[in-house]
PDB file of N, CA and C in Angstrom:
ATOM      1  N   MET A   1      74.161 -69.507  50.163  1.00  0.00           N
ATOM      2  CA  MET A   1      75.099 -69.124  49.150  1.00  0.00           C
ATOM      3  C   MET A   1      74.493 -69.408  47.781  1.00  0.00           C
ATOM      4  N   LEU A   2      74.712 -68.499  46.847  1.00  0.00           N
ATOM      5  CA  LEU A   2      74.289 -68.682  45.467  1.00  0.00           C
ATOM      6  C   LEU A   2      75.529 -68.809  44.595  1.00  0.00           C
ATOM      7  N   THR A   3      75.538 -69.834  43.763  1.00  0.00           N
ATOM      8  CA  THR A   3      76.644 -70.069  42.849  1.00  0.00           C
ATOM      9  C   THR A   3      76.108 -70.059  41.427  1.00  0.00           C
ATOM     10  N   ALA A   4      76.779 -69.316  40.545  1.00  0.00           N
ATOM     11  CA  ALA A   4      76.354 -69.252  39.150  1.00  0.00           C
ATOM     12  C   ALA A   4      76.493 -70.616  38.487  1.00  0.00           C
ATOM     13  N   ILE A   5      75.543 -70.945  37.637  1.00  0.00           N
ATOM     14  CA  ILE A   5      75.583 -72.187  36.856  1.00  0.00           C
ATOM     15  C   ILE A   5      76.228 -71.842  35.517  1.00  0.00           C
ATOM     16  N   PRO A   6      77.330 -72.495  35.191  1.00  0.00           N
ATOM     17  CA  PRO A   6      78.032 -72.175  33.942  1.00  0.00           C
ATOM     18  C   PRO A   6      77.391 -72.853  32.731  1.00  0.00           C
ATOM     19  N   ASN A   7      77.786 -72.377  31.558  1.00  0.00           N
ATOM     20  CA  ASN A   7      77.460 -73.007  30.266  1.00  0.00           C
ATOM     21  C   ASN A   7      75.975 -73.114  29.963  1.00  0.00           C
ATOM     22  N   LEU A   8      75.231 -72.074  30.308  1.00  0.00           N
ATOM     23  CA  LEU A   8      73.810 -72.051  29.966  1.00  0.00           C
ATOM     24  C   LEU A   8      73.646 -71.415  28.589  1.00  0.00           C
ATOM     25  N   PRO A   9      72.515 -71.657  27.938  1.00  0.00           N
ATOM     26  CA  PRO A   9      72.287 -71.049  26.622  1.00  0.00           C
ATOM     27  C   PRO A   9      72.308 -69.513  26.701  1.00  0.00           C
ATOM     28  N   ALA A  10      72.583 -68.900  25.593  1.00  0.00           N
ATOM     29  CA  ALA A  10      72.585 -67.438  25.522  1.00  0.00           C
ATOM     30  C   ALA A  10      71.251 -66.903  26.027  1.00  0.00           C
ATOM     31  N   GLY A  11      71.310 -65.878  26.833  1.00  0.00           N
ATOM     32  CA  GLY A  11      70.108 -65.248  27.350  1.00  0.00           C
ATOM     33  C   GLY A  11      69.547 -65.876  28.610  1.00  0.00           C
ATOM     34  N   VAL A  12      70.182 -66.925  29.117  1.00  0.00           N
ATOM     35  CA  VAL A  12      69.708 -67.600  30.327  1.00  0.00           C
ATOM     36  C   VAL A  12      70.782 -67.477  31.401  1.00  0.00           C
ATOM     37  N   ILE A  13      70.372 -67.069  32.593  1.00  0.00           N
ATOM     38  CA  ILE A  13      71.267 -67.065  33.741  1.00  0.00           C
ATOM     39  C   ILE A  13      70.779 -68.126  34.710  1.00  0.00           C
ATOM     40  N   GLY A  14      71.671 -68.607  35.553  1.00  0.00           N
ATOM     41  CA  GLY A  14      71.264 -69.639  36.482  1.00  0.00           C
ATOM     42  C   GLY A  14      72.094 -69.631  37.741  1.00  0.00           C
ATOM     43  N   PHE A  15      71.473 -70.083  38.821  1.00  0.00           N
ATOM     44  CA  PHE A  15      72.124 -70.126  40.125  1.00  0.00           C
ATOM     45  C   PHE A  15      71.678 -71.365  40.872  1.00  0.00           C
ATOM     46  N   GLU A  16      72.605 -71.872  41.678  1.00  0.00           N
ATOM     47  CA  GLU A  16      72.285 -72.985  42.571  1.00  0.00           C
ATOM     48  C   GLU A  16      72.513 -72.499  43.991  1.00  0.00           C
ATOM     49  N   SER A  17      71.572 -72.803  44.865  1.00  0.00           N
ATOM     50  CA  SER A  17      71.698 -72.383  46.253  1.00  0.00           C
ATOM     51  C   SER A  17      72.289 -73.509  47.086  1.00  0.00           C
ATOM     52  N   SER A  18      72.971 -73.111  48.135  1.00  0.00           N
ATOM     53  CA  SER A  18      73.465 -74.075  49.127  1.00  0.00           C
ATOM     54  C   SER A  18      73.560 -73.340  50.453  1.00  0.00           C
ATOM     55  N   GLY A  19      73.286 -74.050  51.520  1.00  0.00           N
ATOM     56  CA  GLY A  19      73.330 -73.421  52.833  1.00  0.00           C
ATOM     57  C   GLY A  19      72.218 -72.405  53.012  1.00  0.00           C
ATOM     58  N   LYS A  20      72.384 -71.582  54.000  1.00  0.00           N
ATOM     59  CA  LYS A  20      71.408 -70.546  54.315  1.00  0.00           C
ATOM     60  C   LYS A  20      71.605 -69.350  53.385  1.00  0.00           C
ATOM     61  N   LEU A  21      70.515 -68.869  52.799  1.00  0.00           N
ATOM     62  CA  LEU A  21      70.601 -67.709  51.919  1.00  0.00           C
ATOM     63  C   LEU A  21      70.733 -66.437  52.753  1.00  0.00           C
ATOM     64  N   GLU A  22      71.656 -65.587  52.338  1.00  0.00           N
ATOM     65  CA  GLU A  22      71.926 -64.348  53.062  1.00  0.00           C
ATOM     66  C   GLU A  22      71.692 -63.147  52.146  1.00  0.00           C
ATOM     67  N   ALA A  23      71.520 -61.992  52.742  1.00  0.00           N
ATOM     68  CA  ALA A  23      71.299 -60.772  51.978  1.00  0.00           C
ATOM     69  C   ALA A  23      72.427 -60.528  50.988  1.00  0.00           C
ATOM     70  N   THR A  24      73.645 -60.854  51.374  1.00  0.00           N
ATOM     71  CA  THR A  24      74.782 -60.630  50.468  1.00  0.00           C
ATOM     72  C   THR A  24      74.679 -61.505  49.217  1.00  0.00           C
ATOM     73  N   ASP A  25      74.030 -62.657  49.300  1.00  0.00           N
ATOM     74  CA  ASP A  25      73.830 -63.492  48.115  1.00  0.00           C
ATOM     75  C   ASP A  25      73.011 -62.737  47.068  1.00  0.00           C
ATOM     76  N   TYR A  26      72.009 -62.053  47.529  1.00  0.00           N
ATOM     77  CA  TYR A  26      71.158 -61.287  46.620  1.00  0.00           C
ATOM     78  C   TYR A  26      71.871 -60.031  46.136  1.00  0.00           C
ATOM     79  N   ARG A  27      72.443 -59.302  47.050  1.00  0.00           N
ATOM     80  CA  ARG A  27      73.061 -58.021  46.737  1.00  0.00           C
ATOM     81  C   ARG A  27      74.306 -58.178  45.863  1.00  0.00           C
ATOM     82  N   ASP A  28      75.163 -59.150  46.181  1.00  0.00           N
ATOM     83  CA  ASP A  28      76.456 -59.261  45.505  1.00  0.00           C
ATOM     84  C   ASP A  28      76.465 -60.229  44.325  1.00  0.00           C
ATOM     85  N   THR A  29      75.572 -61.189  44.317  1.00  0.00           N
ATOM     86  CA  THR A  29      75.578 -62.210  43.262  1.00  0.00           C
ATOM     87  C   THR A  29      74.365 -62.086  42.344  1.00  0.00           C
ATOM     88  N   LEU A  30      73.181 -62.161  42.922  1.00  0.00           N
ATOM     89  CA  LEU A  30      71.969 -62.213  42.110  1.00  0.00           C
ATOM     90  C   LEU A  30      71.615 -60.867  41.474  1.00  0.00           C
ATOM     91  N   ALA A  31      71.596 -59.815  42.252  1.00  0.00           N
ATOM     92  CA  ALA A  31      71.161 -58.511  41.733  1.00  0.00           C
ATOM     93  C   ALA A  31      71.977 -58.041  40.530  1.00  0.00           C
ATOM     94  N   PRO A  32      73.319 -58.102  40.570  1.00  0.00           N
ATOM     95  CA  PRO A  32      74.078 -57.659  39.388  1.00  0.00           C
ATOM     96  C   PRO A  32      73.784 -58.507  38.141  1.00  0.00           C
ATOM     97  N   ALA A  33      73.628 -59.808  38.319  1.00  0.00           N
ATOM     98  CA  ALA A  33      73.339 -60.680  37.178  1.00  0.00           C
ATOM     99  C   ALA A  33      71.951 -60.394  36.610  1.00  0.00           C
ATOM    100  N   LEU A  34      70.989 -60.162  37.486  1.00  0.00           N
ATOM    101  CA  LEU A  34      69.639 -59.840  37.026  1.00  0.00           C
ATOM    102  C   LEU A  34      69.604 -58.505  36.297  1.00  0.00           C
ATOM    103  N   GLN A  35      70.314 -57.525  36.820  1.00  0.00           N
ATOM    104  CA  GLN A  35      70.340 -56.220  36.171  1.00  0.00           C
ATOM    105  C   GLN A  35      70.963 -56.314  34.783  1.00  0.00           C
ATOM    106  N   LYS A  36      72.055 -57.053  34.679  1.00  0.00           N
ATOM    107  CA  LYS A  36      72.718 -57.235  33.382  1.00  0.00           C
ATOM    108  C   LYS A  36      71.779 -57.920  32.393  1.00  0.00           C
ATOM    109  N   ALA A  37      71.107 -58.991  32.837  1.00  0.00           N
ATOM    110  CA  ALA A  37      70.173 -59.703  31.962  1.00  0.00           C
ATOM    111  C   ALA A  37      69.014 -58.809  31.550  1.00  0.00           C
ATOM    112  N   ALA A  38      68.493 -58.023  32.477  1.00  0.00           N
ATOM    113  CA  ALA A  38      67.391 -57.109  32.160  1.00  0.00           C
ATOM    114  C   ALA A  38      67.838 -56.079  31.130  1.00  0.00           C
ATOM    115  N   ASP A  39      69.040 -55.567  31.295  1.00  0.00           N
ATOM    116  CA  ASP A  39      69.580 -54.582  30.352  1.00  0.00           C
ATOM    117  C   ASP A  39      69.799 -55.172  28.968  1.00  0.00           C
ATOM    118  N   GLU A  40      70.009 -56.489  28.913  1.00  0.00           N
ATOM    119  CA  GLU A  40      70.282 -57.161  27.643  1.00  0.00           C
ATOM    120  C   GLU A  40      69.031 -57.740  26.991  1.00  0.00           C
ATOM    121  N   GLY A  41      67.870 -57.481  27.553  1.00  0.00           N
ATOM    122  CA  GLY A  41      66.661 -57.890  26.869  1.00  0.00           C
ATOM    123  C   GLY A  41      65.657 -58.704  27.649  1.00  0.00           C
ATOM    124  N   GLY A  42      65.973 -59.153  28.832  1.00  0.00           N
ATOM    125  CA  GLY A  42      64.975 -59.874  29.612  1.00  0.00           C
ATOM    126  C   GLY A  42      65.587 -60.918  30.513  1.00  0.00           C
ATOM    127  N   LEU A  43      64.808 -61.306  31.497  1.00  0.00           N
ATOM    128  CA  LEU A  43      65.275 -62.233  32.518  1.00  0.00           C
ATOM    129  C   LEU A  43      64.703 -63.624  32.298  1.00  0.00           C
ATOM    130  N   CYS A  44      65.585 -64.529  31.915  1.00  0.00           N
ATOM    131  CA  CYS A  44      65.277 -65.951  31.831  1.00  0.00           C
ATOM    132  C   CYS A  44      66.259 -66.627  32.770  1.00  0.00           C
ATOM    133  N   MET A  45      65.750 -67.323  33.764  1.00  0.00           N
ATOM    134  CA  MET A  45      66.618 -67.828  34.814  1.00  0.00           C
ATOM    135  C   MET A  45      66.277 -69.261  35.189  1.00  0.00           C
ATOM    136  N   VAL A  46      67.324 -69.996  35.554  1.00  0.00           N
ATOM    137  CA  VAL A  46      67.184 -71.316  36.144  1.00  0.00           C
ATOM    138  C   VAL A  46      67.671 -71.186  37.581  1.00  0.00           C
ATOM    139  N   LEU A  47      66.831 -71.556  38.524  1.00  0.00           N
ATOM    140  CA  LEU A  47      67.186 -71.514  39.936  1.00  0.00           C
ATOM    141  C   LEU A  47      67.094 -72.929  40.494  1.00  0.00           C
ATOM    142  N   VAL A  48      68.231 -73.431  40.968  1.00  0.00           N
ATOM    143  CA  VAL A  48      68.306 -74.789  41.496  1.00  0.00           C
ATOM    144  C   VAL A  48      68.436 -74.713  43.015  1.00  0.00           C
ATOM    145  N   MET A  49      67.519 -75.381  43.697  1.00  0.00           N
ATOM    146  CA  MET A  49      67.544 -75.395  45.153  1.00  0.00           C
ATOM    147  C   MET A  49      67.406 -76.844  45.627  1.00  0.00           C
ATOM    148  N   PRO A  50      68.557 -77.531  45.793  1.00  0.00           N
ATOM    149  CA  PRO A  50      68.514 -78.937  46.207  1.00  0.00           C
ATOM    150  C   PRO A  50      67.923 -79.141  47.599  1.00  0.00           C
ATOM    151  N   ALA A  51      68.110 -78.159  48.469  1.00  0.00           N
ATOM    152  CA  ALA A  51      67.587 -78.218  49.835  1.00  0.00           C
ATOM    153  C   ALA A  51      67.310 -76.801  50.288  1.00  0.00           C
ATOM    154  N   PHE A  52      66.504 -76.672  51.306  1.00  0.00           N
ATOM    155  CA  PHE A  52      66.267 -75.347  51.885  1.00  0.00           C
ATOM    156  C   PHE A  52      66.779 -75.368  53.304  1.00  0.00           C
ATOM    157  N   GLU A  53      67.833 -74.578  53.537  1.00  0.00           N
ATOM    158  CA  GLU A  53      68.459 -74.545  54.852  1.00  0.00           C
ATOM    159  C   GLU A  53      68.202 -73.232  55.586  1.00  0.00           C
ATOM    160  N   GLY A  54      67.278 -72.460  55.060  1.00  0.00           N
ATOM    161  CA  GLY A  54      66.905 -71.231  55.727  1.00  0.00           C
ATOM    162  C   GLY A  54      67.281 -69.990  54.932  1.00  0.00           C
ATOM    163  N   ILE A  55      66.737 -68.876  55.388  1.00  0.00           N
ATOM    164  CA  ILE A  55      67.006 -67.595  54.753  1.00  0.00           C
ATOM    165  C   ILE A  55      67.118 -66.534  55.841  1.00  0.00           C
ATOM    166  N   GLU A  56      68.131 -65.742  55.760  1.00  0.00           N
ATOM    167  CA  GLU A  56      68.367 -64.657  56.707  1.00  0.00           C
ATOM    168  C   GLU A  56      67.248 -63.622  56.549  1.00  0.00           C
ATOM    169  N   PRO A  57      66.721 -63.056  57.628  1.00  0.00           N
ATOM    170  CA  PRO A  57      65.637 -62.080  57.510  1.00  0.00           C
ATOM    171  C   PRO A  57      65.934 -60.944  56.529  1.00  0.00           C
ATOM    172  N   LYS A  58      67.134 -60.411  56.532  1.00  0.00           N
ATOM    173  CA  LYS A  58      67.475 -59.342  55.588  1.00  0.00           C
ATOM    174  C   LYS A  58      67.420 -59.839  54.146  1.00  0.00           C
ATOM    175  N   ALA A  59      67.650 -61.124  53.945  1.00  0.00           N
ATOM    176  CA  ALA A  59      67.618 -61.691  52.599  1.00  0.00           C
ATOM    177  C   ALA A  59      66.195 -61.710  52.046  1.00  0.00           C
ATOM    178  N   ILE A  60      65.205 -61.821  52.909  1.00  0.00           N
ATOM    179  CA  ILE A  60      63.815 -61.800  52.449  1.00  0.00           C
ATOM    180  C   ILE A  60      63.513 -60.457  51.797  1.00  0.00           C
ATOM    181  N   TRP A  61      63.959 -59.384  52.408  1.00  0.00           N
ATOM    182  CA  TRP A  61      63.766 -58.047  51.838  1.00  0.00           C
ATOM    183  C   TRP A  61      64.526 -57.912  50.519  1.00  0.00           C
ATOM    184  N   GLU A  62      65.778 -58.384  50.491  1.00  0.00           N
ATOM    185  CA  GLU A  62      66.576 -58.320  49.262  1.00  0.00           C
ATOM    186  C   GLU A  62      65.897 -59.110  48.146  1.00  0.00           C
ATOM    187  N   ASP A  63      65.351 -60.265  48.478  1.00  0.00           N
ATOM    188  CA  ASP A  63      64.669 -61.092  47.492  1.00  0.00           C
ATOM    189  C   ASP A  63      63.500 -60.331  46.882  1.00  0.00           C
ATOM    190  N   ALA A  64      62.709 -59.723  47.712  1.00  0.00           N
ATOM    191  CA  ALA A  64      61.553 -58.967  47.222  1.00  0.00           C
ATOM    192  C   ALA A  64      61.989 -57.784  46.371  1.00  0.00           C
ATOM    193  N   SER A  65      62.978 -57.042  46.826  1.00  0.00           N
ATOM    194  CA  SER A  65      63.392 -55.849  46.081  1.00  0.00           C
ATOM    195  C   SER A  65      64.055 -56.206  44.761  1.00  0.00           C
ATOM    196  N   VAL A  66      64.798 -57.312  44.723  1.00  0.00           N
ATOM    197  CA  VAL A  66      65.425 -57.755  43.471  1.00  0.00           C
ATOM    198  C   VAL A  66      64.348 -58.123  42.458  1.00  0.00           C
ATOM    199  N   GLY A  67      63.311 -58.798  42.900  1.00  0.00           N
ATOM    200  CA  GLY A  67      62.235 -59.195  42.001  1.00  0.00           C
ATOM    201  C   GLY A  67      61.434 -58.027  41.468  1.00  0.00           C
ATOM    202  N   ILE A  68      61.199 -57.057  42.298  1.00  0.00           N
ATOM    203  CA  ILE A  68      60.381 -55.908  41.915  1.00  0.00           C
ATOM    204  C   ILE A  68      61.140 -54.930  41.030  1.00  0.00           C
ATOM    205  N   LYS A  69      62.432 -54.787  41.258  1.00  0.00           N
ATOM    206  CA  LYS A  69      63.221 -53.770  40.549  1.00  0.00           C
ATOM    207  C   LYS A  69      63.079 -53.878  39.038  1.00  0.00           C
ATOM    208  N   ASN A  70      63.109 -55.071  38.503  1.00  0.00           N
ATOM    209  CA  ASN A  70      63.014 -55.269  37.056  1.00  0.00           C
ATOM    210  C   ASN A  70      61.741 -56.033  36.688  1.00  0.00           C
ATOM    211  N   TRP A  71      60.654 -55.659  37.302  1.00  0.00           N
ATOM    212  CA  TRP A  71      59.382 -56.376  37.186  1.00  0.00           C
ATOM    213  C   TRP A  71      59.026 -56.707  35.737  1.00  0.00           C
ATOM    214  N   SER A  72      59.107 -55.739  34.860  1.00  0.00           N
ATOM    215  CA  SER A  72      58.664 -55.957  33.483  1.00  0.00           C
ATOM    216  C   SER A  72      59.673 -56.736  32.646  1.00  0.00           C
ATOM    217  N   ALA A  73      60.880 -56.944  33.141  1.00  0.00           N
ATOM    218  CA  ALA A  73      61.908 -57.667  32.384  1.00  0.00           C
ATOM    219  C   ALA A  73      61.822 -59.181  32.551  1.00  0.00           C
ATOM    220  N   TRP A  74      61.097 -59.643  33.579  1.00  0.00           N
ATOM    221  CA  TRP A  74      61.023 -61.082  33.837  1.00  0.00           C
ATOM    222  C   TRP A  74      60.288 -61.786  32.705  1.00  0.00           C
ATOM    223  N   LYS A  75      60.905 -62.849  32.177  1.00  0.00           N
ATOM    224  CA  LYS A  75      60.273 -63.666  31.140  1.00  0.00           C
ATOM    225  C   LYS A  75      59.953 -65.058  31.673  1.00  0.00           C
ATOM    226  N   ARG A  76      61.000 -65.785  32.101  1.00  0.00           N
ATOM    227  CA  ARG A  76      60.795 -67.161  32.558  1.00  0.00           C
ATOM    228  C   ARG A  76      61.748 -67.497  33.693  1.00  0.00           C
ATOM    229  N   VAL A  77      61.213 -68.228  34.681  1.00  0.00           N
ATOM    230  CA  VAL A  77      62.035 -68.762  35.768  1.00  0.00           C
ATOM    231  C   VAL A  77      61.721 -70.245  35.876  1.00  0.00           C
ATOM    232  N   ALA A  78      62.755 -71.061  35.683  1.00  0.00           N
ATOM    233  CA  ALA A  78      62.639 -72.502  35.884  1.00  0.00           C
ATOM    234  C   ALA A  78      63.174 -72.791  37.282  1.00  0.00           C
ATOM    235  N   PHE A  79      62.315 -73.259  38.150  1.00  0.00           N
ATOM    236  CA  PHE A  79      62.678 -73.530  39.539  1.00  0.00           C
ATOM    237  C   PHE A  79      62.868 -75.030  39.699  1.00  0.00           C
ATOM    238  N   VAL A  80      64.106 -75.439  39.955  1.00  0.00           N
ATOM    239  CA  VAL A  80      64.465 -76.855  40.017  1.00  0.00           C
ATOM    240  C   VAL A  80      64.673 -77.246  41.471  1.00  0.00           C
ATOM    241  N   THR A  81      63.779 -78.109  41.969  1.00  0.00           N
ATOM    242  CA  THR A  81      63.891 -78.575  43.350  1.00  0.00           C
ATOM    243  C   THR A  81      63.095 -79.852  43.544  1.00  0.00           C
ATOM    244  N   ASP A  82      63.542 -80.631  44.508  1.00  0.00           N
ATOM    245  CA  ASP A  82      62.780 -81.794  44.937  1.00  0.00           C
ATOM    246  C   ASP A  82      62.181 -81.574  46.323  1.00  0.00           C
ATOM    247  N   VAL A  83      62.310 -80.362  46.839  1.00  0.00           N
ATOM    248  CA  VAL A  83      61.719 -80.015  48.135  1.00  0.00           C
ATOM    249  C   VAL A  83      60.221 -79.840  47.902  1.00  0.00           C
ATOM    250  N   ALA A  84      59.446 -80.775  48.432  1.00  0.00           N
ATOM    251  CA  ALA A  84      58.015 -80.854  48.115  1.00  0.00           C
ATOM    252  C   ALA A  84      57.260 -79.557  48.386  1.00  0.00           C
ATOM    253  N   TRP A  85      57.454 -78.951  49.556  1.00  0.00           N
ATOM    254  CA  TRP A  85      56.667 -77.766  49.868  1.00  0.00           C
ATOM    255  C   TRP A  85      57.030 -76.598  48.952  1.00  0.00           C
ATOM    256  N   MET A  86      58.277 -76.553  48.487  1.00  0.00           N
ATOM    257  CA  MET A  86      58.676 -75.482  47.573  1.00  0.00           C
ATOM    258  C   MET A  86      58.071 -75.690  46.186  1.00  0.00           C
ATOM    259  N   ALA A  87      58.016 -76.934  45.762  1.00  0.00           N
ATOM    260  CA  ALA A  87      57.379 -77.245  44.481  1.00  0.00           C
ATOM    261  C   ALA A  87      55.902 -76.880  44.524  1.00  0.00           C
ATOM    262  N   HIS A  88      55.225 -77.239  45.615  1.00  0.00           N
ATOM    263  CA  HIS A  88      53.808 -76.906  45.758  1.00  0.00           C
ATOM    264  C   HIS A  88      53.606 -75.394  45.796  1.00  0.00           C
ATOM    265  N   ALA A  89      54.454 -74.686  46.524  1.00  0.00           N
ATOM    266  CA  ALA A  89      54.333 -73.224  46.613  1.00  0.00           C
ATOM    267  C   ALA A  89      54.495 -72.586  45.242  1.00  0.00           C
ATOM    268  N   THR A  90      55.408 -73.109  44.442  1.00  0.00           N
ATOM    269  CA  THR A  90      55.593 -72.594  43.085  1.00  0.00           C
ATOM    270  C   THR A  90      54.322 -72.790  42.268  1.00  0.00           C
ATOM    271  N   ASN A  91      53.732 -73.950  42.384  1.00  0.00           N
ATOM    272  CA  ASN A  91      52.503 -74.227  41.641  1.00  0.00           C
ATOM    273  C   ASN A  91      51.324 -73.392  42.146  1.00  0.00           C
ATOM    274  N   TRP A  92      51.250 -73.188  43.447  1.00  0.00           N
ATOM    275  CA  TRP A  92      50.128 -72.437  44.012  1.00  0.00           C
ATOM    276  C   TRP A  92      50.250 -70.931  43.814  1.00  0.00           C
ATOM    277  N   PHE A  93      51.451 -70.407  43.989  1.00  0.00           N
ATOM    278  CA  PHE A  93      51.621 -68.957  44.014  1.00  0.00           C
ATOM    279  C   PHE A  93      52.390 -68.388  42.834  1.00  0.00           C
ATOM    280  N   GLY A  94      52.776 -69.219  41.905  1.00  0.00           N
ATOM    281  CA  GLY A  94      53.549 -68.769  40.755  1.00  0.00           C
ATOM    282  C   GLY A  94      52.838 -67.709  39.928  1.00  0.00           C
ATOM    283  N   TRP A  95      51.527 -67.735  39.922  1.00  0.00           N
ATOM    284  CA  TRP A  95      50.758 -66.764  39.151  1.00  0.00           C
ATOM    285  C   TRP A  95      51.001 -65.335  39.627  1.00  0.00           C
ATOM    286  N   MET A  96      51.495 -65.162  40.850  1.00  0.00           N
ATOM    287  CA  MET A  96      51.755 -63.818  41.378  1.00  0.00           C
ATOM    288  C   MET A  96      53.103 -63.266  40.909  1.00  0.00           C
ATOM    289  N   SER A  97      53.915 -64.105  40.305  1.00  0.00           N
ATOM    290  CA  SER A  97      55.239 -63.697  39.860  1.00  0.00           C
ATOM    291  C   SER A  97      55.156 -63.032  38.492  1.00  0.00           C
ATOM    292  N   PRO A  98      56.054 -62.100  38.245  1.00  0.00           N
ATOM    293  CA  PRO A  98      56.099 -61.539  36.892  1.00  0.00           C
ATOM    294  C   PRO A  98      56.646 -62.597  35.939  1.00  0.00           C
ATOM    295  N   GLY A  99      56.232 -62.562  34.700  1.00  0.00           N
ATOM    296  CA  GLY A  99      56.682 -63.574  33.748  1.00  0.00           C
ATOM    297  C   GLY A  99      56.114 -64.937  34.100  1.00  0.00           C
ATOM    298  N   GLU A 100      56.709 -65.963  33.533  1.00  0.00           N
ATOM    299  CA  GLU A 100      56.273 -67.334  33.796  1.00  0.00           C
ATOM    300  C   GLU A 100      57.232 -67.989  34.781  1.00  0.00           C
ATOM    301  N   ILE A 101      56.695 -68.830  35.640  1.00  0.00           N
ATOM    302  CA  ILE A 101      57.524 -69.624  36.540  1.00  0.00           C
ATOM    303  C   ILE A 101      57.012 -71.059  36.482  1.00  0.00           C
ATOM    304  N   LYS A 102      57.957 -71.987  36.445  1.00  0.00           N
ATOM    305  CA  LYS A 102      57.569 -73.390  36.342  1.00  0.00           C
ATOM    306  C   LYS A 102      58.517 -74.232  37.187  1.00  0.00           C
ATOM    307  N   HIS A 103      57.954 -75.194  37.896  1.00  0.00           N
ATOM    308  CA  HIS A 103      58.735 -76.115  38.719  1.00  0.00           C
ATOM    309  C   HIS A 103      59.188 -77.314  37.890  1.00  0.00           C
ATOM    310  N   PHE A 104      60.418 -77.745  38.160  1.00  0.00           N
ATOM    311  CA  PHE A 104      60.971 -78.960  37.573  1.00  0.00           C
ATOM    312  C   PHE A 104      61.638 -79.772  38.678  1.00  0.00           C
ATOM    313  N   PRO A 105      61.460 -81.083  38.696  1.00  0.00           N
ATOM    314  CA  PRO A 105      62.227 -81.906  39.636  1.00  0.00           C
ATOM    315  C   PRO A 105      63.693 -81.939  39.188  1.00  0.00           C
ATOM    316  N   SER A 106      64.577 -82.276  40.112  1.00  0.00           N
ATOM    317  CA  SER A 106      66.013 -82.285  39.822  1.00  0.00           C
ATOM    318  C   SER A 106      66.377 -83.169  38.636  1.00  0.00           C
ATOM    319  N   ALA A 107      65.675 -84.268  38.475  1.00  0.00           N
ATOM    320  CA  ALA A 107      65.967 -85.188  37.372  1.00  0.00           C
ATOM    321  C   ALA A 107      65.689 -84.568  36.005  1.00  0.00           C
ATOM    322  N   GLU A 108      64.971 -83.444  35.981  1.00  0.00           N
ATOM    323  CA  GLU A 108      64.617 -82.790  34.720  1.00  0.00           C
ATOM    324  C   GLU A 108      65.358 -81.471  34.520  1.00  0.00           C
ATOM    325  N   MET A 109      66.575 -81.416  34.994  1.00  0.00           N
ATOM    326  CA  MET A 109      67.378 -80.194  34.899  1.00  0.00           C
ATOM    327  C   MET A 109      67.509 -79.707  33.451  1.00  0.00           C
ATOM    328  N   GLN A 110      67.798 -80.597  32.514  1.00  0.00           N
ATOM    329  CA  GLN A 110      67.963 -80.170  31.134  1.00  0.00           C
ATOM    330  C   GLN A 110      66.644 -79.630  30.564  1.00  0.00           C
ATOM    331  N   ALA A 111      65.545 -80.236  30.914  1.00  0.00           N
ATOM    332  CA  ALA A 111      64.241 -79.728  30.479  1.00  0.00           C
ATOM    333  C   ALA A 111      63.999 -78.334  31.051  1.00  0.00           C
ATOM    334  N   ALA A 112      64.425 -78.095  32.278  1.00  0.00           N
ATOM    335  CA  ALA A 112      64.271 -76.772  32.879  1.00  0.00           C
ATOM    336  C   ALA A 112      65.090 -75.739  32.114  1.00  0.00           C
ATOM    337  N   ILE A 113      66.312 -76.087  31.785  1.00  0.00           N
ATOM    338  CA  ILE A 113      67.175 -75.172  31.023  1.00  0.00           C
ATOM    339  C   ILE A 113      66.559 -74.887  29.656  1.00  0.00           C
ATOM    340  N   ASP A 114      66.106 -75.918  28.986  1.00  0.00           N
ATOM    341  CA  ASP A 114      65.495 -75.749  27.661  1.00  0.00           C
ATOM    342  C   ASP A 114      64.255 -74.866  27.733  1.00  0.00           C
ATOM    343  N   TRP A 115      63.426 -75.091  28.765  1.00  0.00           N
ATOM    344  CA  TRP A 115      62.212 -74.280  28.922  1.00  0.00           C
ATOM    345  C   TRP A 115      62.565 -72.822  29.189  1.00  0.00           C
ATOM    346  N   ALA A 116      63.533 -72.587  30.070  1.00  0.00           N
ATOM    347  CA  ALA A 116      63.939 -71.212  30.380  1.00  0.00           C
ATOM    348  C   ALA A 116      64.466 -70.501  29.152  1.00  0.00           C
ATOM    349  N   ALA A 117      65.146 -71.238  28.284  1.00  0.00           N
ATOM    350  CA  ALA A 117      65.691 -70.654  27.056  1.00  0.00           C
ATOM    351  C   ALA A 117      64.597 -70.319  26.051  1.00  0.00           C
ATOM    352  N   GLY A 118      63.417 -70.922  26.247  1.00  0.00           N
ATOM    353  CA  GLY A 118      62.257 -70.602  25.425  1.00  0.00           C
ATOM    354  C   GLY A 118      62.338 -71.148  24.037  1.00  0.00           C
TER     355      GLY A 118
END
């Protein structure tokens, strides 16, 4: 499940995950917010993932298509997690993402928001 993070700075969207991610999370929650942000000038996002409880196979496709659809609109993604392998993956493979992506530990949530806001 993806839940919107309220009260972020103008131009920044944010979501926190919980439980297993499903295709409907991307289609019904993430995709509309990303499209709106892209239409308004660019994608700056904070993504908080306290734990990883799995992802539905259809959600993997939705994740890829959501990212590609607005490829040139991506500016910054602050990825907030204490899940070690996810932090390492962000550092190792972040260069393949459009825009900038940076990992932050949970204790640095405000720094992540500030960085995403640019």
